[in-house]
């Protein structure tokens, strides 16, 4: 039997952002609503950063040395990594 599936932290942060956004829309007080929406925006930024870390971890675990977006990335046909120009 396997354990529970691991939920990516980026998804957790996206969920929290959505909760804060929904709660913020329910408040009539301008200041409280603004604070909750700012917290939601912070969680959105954290989710984007976490997704980037998760993608880098995926590339590392797959044995890919360089990643798309790197300056001199050239796809490789073998597992030794990309060729550099």
Protein backbone atom coordinates (compact mmCIF):
# COMPACT_ATOMS: atom_id res chain seq x y z
CA UNK A 1 0.00 0.00 0.00
CA UNK A 2 1.30 3.44 -0.89
CA UNK A 3 1.03 6.60 1.16
CA UNK A 4 -1.10 9.62 0.33
CA UNK A 5 -0.25 11.59 -2.78
CA UNK A 6 1.99 14.58 -2.16
CA UNK A 7 0.28 17.86 -3.04
CA UNK A 8 2.70 20.36 -4.58
CA UNK A 9 3.22 23.34 -2.30
CA UNK A 10 2.44 25.63 -5.24
CA UNK A 11 -1.09 24.16 -5.30
CA UNK A 12 -1.44 24.67 -1.55
CA UNK A 13 -0.45 28.32 -1.94
CA UNK A 14 -2.88 28.79 -4.85
CA UNK A 15 -5.68 27.37 -2.71
CA UNK A 16 -4.85 29.70 0.17
CA UNK A 17 -4.75 32.67 -2.19
CA UNK A 18 -8.22 31.76 -3.45
CA UNK A 19 -9.53 31.44 0.12
CA UNK A 20 -8.19 34.87 1.09
CA UNK A 21 -9.56 36.38 -2.12
CA UNK A 22 -13.01 34.90 -1.45
CA UNK A 23 -12.99 36.06 2.18
CA UNK A 24 -11.78 39.51 1.18
CA UNK A 25 -14.72 39.96 -1.15
CA UNK A 26 -17.12 39.23 1.73
CA UNK A 27 -15.93 42.13 3.91
CA UNK A 28 -17.54 45.52 3.63
CA UNK A 29 -14.77 47.29 5.54
CA UNK A 30 -12.39 48.75 2.98
CA UNK A 31 -9.25 48.30 5.12
CA UNK A 32 -9.95 44.66 6.01
CA UNK A 33 -10.80 43.80 2.41
CA UNK A 34 -7.56 45.43 1.18
CA UNK A 35 -5.45 43.51 3.70
CA UNK A 36 -7.02 40.17 2.76
CA UNK A 37 -6.58 40.85 -0.95
CA UNK A 38 -2.92 41.80 -0.37
CA UNK A 39 -2.38 38.53 1.48
CA UNK A 40 -4.01 36.70 -1.46
CA UNK A 41 -1.62 38.45 -3.85
CA UNK A 42 1.33 37.42 -1.65
CA UNK A 43 0.17 33.79 -1.77
CA UNK A 44 -0.12 34.06 -5.56
CA UNK A 45 3.50 35.25 -5.77
CA UNK A 46 4.62 32.45 -3.44
CA UNK A 47 2.74 29.91 -5.60
CA UNK A 48 4.55 31.12 -8.72
CA UNK A 49 7.93 30.91 -6.98
CA UNK A 50 7.16 27.45 -5.60
CA UNK A 51 6.09 26.25 -9.06
CA UNK A 52 9.44 27.40 -10.44
CA UNK A 53 11.30 25.49 -7.70
CA UNK A 54 9.18 22.41 -8.41
CA UNK A 55 9.99 22.62 -12.11
CA UNK A 56 13.71 22.96 -11.41
CA UNK A 57 13.51 19.95 -9.07
CA UNK A 58 11.78 17.97 -11.83
CA UNK A 59 14.54 18.83 -14.32
CA UNK A 60 17.22 17.92 -11.77
CA UNK A 61 15.57 14.59 -10.93
CA UNK A 62 15.23 13.81 -14.65
CA UNK A 63 18.97 14.33 -15.07
CA UNK A 64 18.68 17.47 -17.19
CA UNK A 65 21.57 19.77 -16.36
CA UNK A 66 20.41 22.83 -18.24
CA UNK A 67 16.83 24.02 -18.52
CA UNK A 68 14.82 25.91 -21.11
CA UNK A 69 15.33 29.58 -20.44
CA UNK A 70 19.03 29.17 -19.69
CA UNK A 71 21.19 31.41 -21.88
CA UNK A 72 23.05 28.69 -23.75
CA UNK A 73 20.50 25.86 -23.62
CA UNK A 74 20.86 23.42 -26.49
CA UNK A 75 18.75 20.23 -26.33
CA UNK A 76 20.73 17.04 -26.00
CA UNK A 77 20.06 13.65 -27.56
CA UNK A 78 21.77 11.74 -24.76
CA UNK A 79 21.68 11.67 -20.94
CA UNK A 80 25.05 13.46 -20.60
CA UNK A 81 23.29 16.80 -20.68
CA UNK A 82 22.93 19.57 -23.22
CA UNK A 83 25.78 20.66 -25.42
CA UNK A 84 27.13 24.15 -24.87
CA UNK A 85 27.86 26.47 -27.76
